[in-house]
Amino acid sequence: MDRQRESGWYSNFNLLEKLVESAKVNAAFLILKD
């Protein structure tokens, strides 16, 4: 039970990290495009 919740939190954290990475890429792209 506890392990499942922990792995759920971990996958949420990974998803958040991917969102941050793609946001950085998008920002860099917009800056370079100008």
Protein backbone atom coordinates (compact mmCIF):
# COMPACT_ATOMS: atom_id res chain seq x y z
CA MET A 1 0.00 0.00 0.00
CA ASP A 2 2.63 2.50 1.11
CA ARG A 3 4.96 1.55 -1.72
CA GLN A 4 2.23 2.07 -4.30
CA ARG A 5 1.53 5.57 -3.00
CA GLU A 6 5.26 6.32 -3.02
CA SER A 7 5.60 5.20 -6.64
CA GLY A 8 2.57 7.34 -7.54
CA TRP A 9 4.23 10.37 -5.98
CA TYR A 10 7.43 9.56 -7.84
CA SER A 11 5.68 9.33 -11.21
CA ASN A 12 3.93 12.65 -10.51
CA PHE A 13 7.31 14.18 -9.74
CA ASN A 14 8.72 12.82 -13.02
CA LEU A 15 5.77 14.30 -14.90
CA LEU A 16 6.36 17.68 -13.24
CA GLU A 17 10.05 17.53 -14.15
CA LYS A 18 9.16 16.82 -17.80
CA LEU A 19 6.78 19.78 -17.82
CA VAL A 20 9.50 22.04 -16.43
CA GLU A 21 11.97 20.79 -19.03
CA SER A 22 9.57 21.37 -21.93
CA ALA A 23 8.73 24.82 -20.55
CA LYS A 24 12.46 25.65 -20.54
CA VAL A 25 12.81 24.43 -24.11
CA ASN A 26 9.79 26.48 -25.21
CA ALA A 27 11.14 29.59 -23.50
CA ALA A 28 14.57 29.14 -25.06
CA PHE A 29 12.97 28.64 -28.47
CA LEU A 30 10.91 31.84 -28.13
CA ILE A 31 13.98 33.79 -27.03
CA LEU A 32 16.04 32.47 -29.94
CA LYS A 33 13.23 33.13 -32.41
CA ASP A 34 13.19 36.87 -31.71
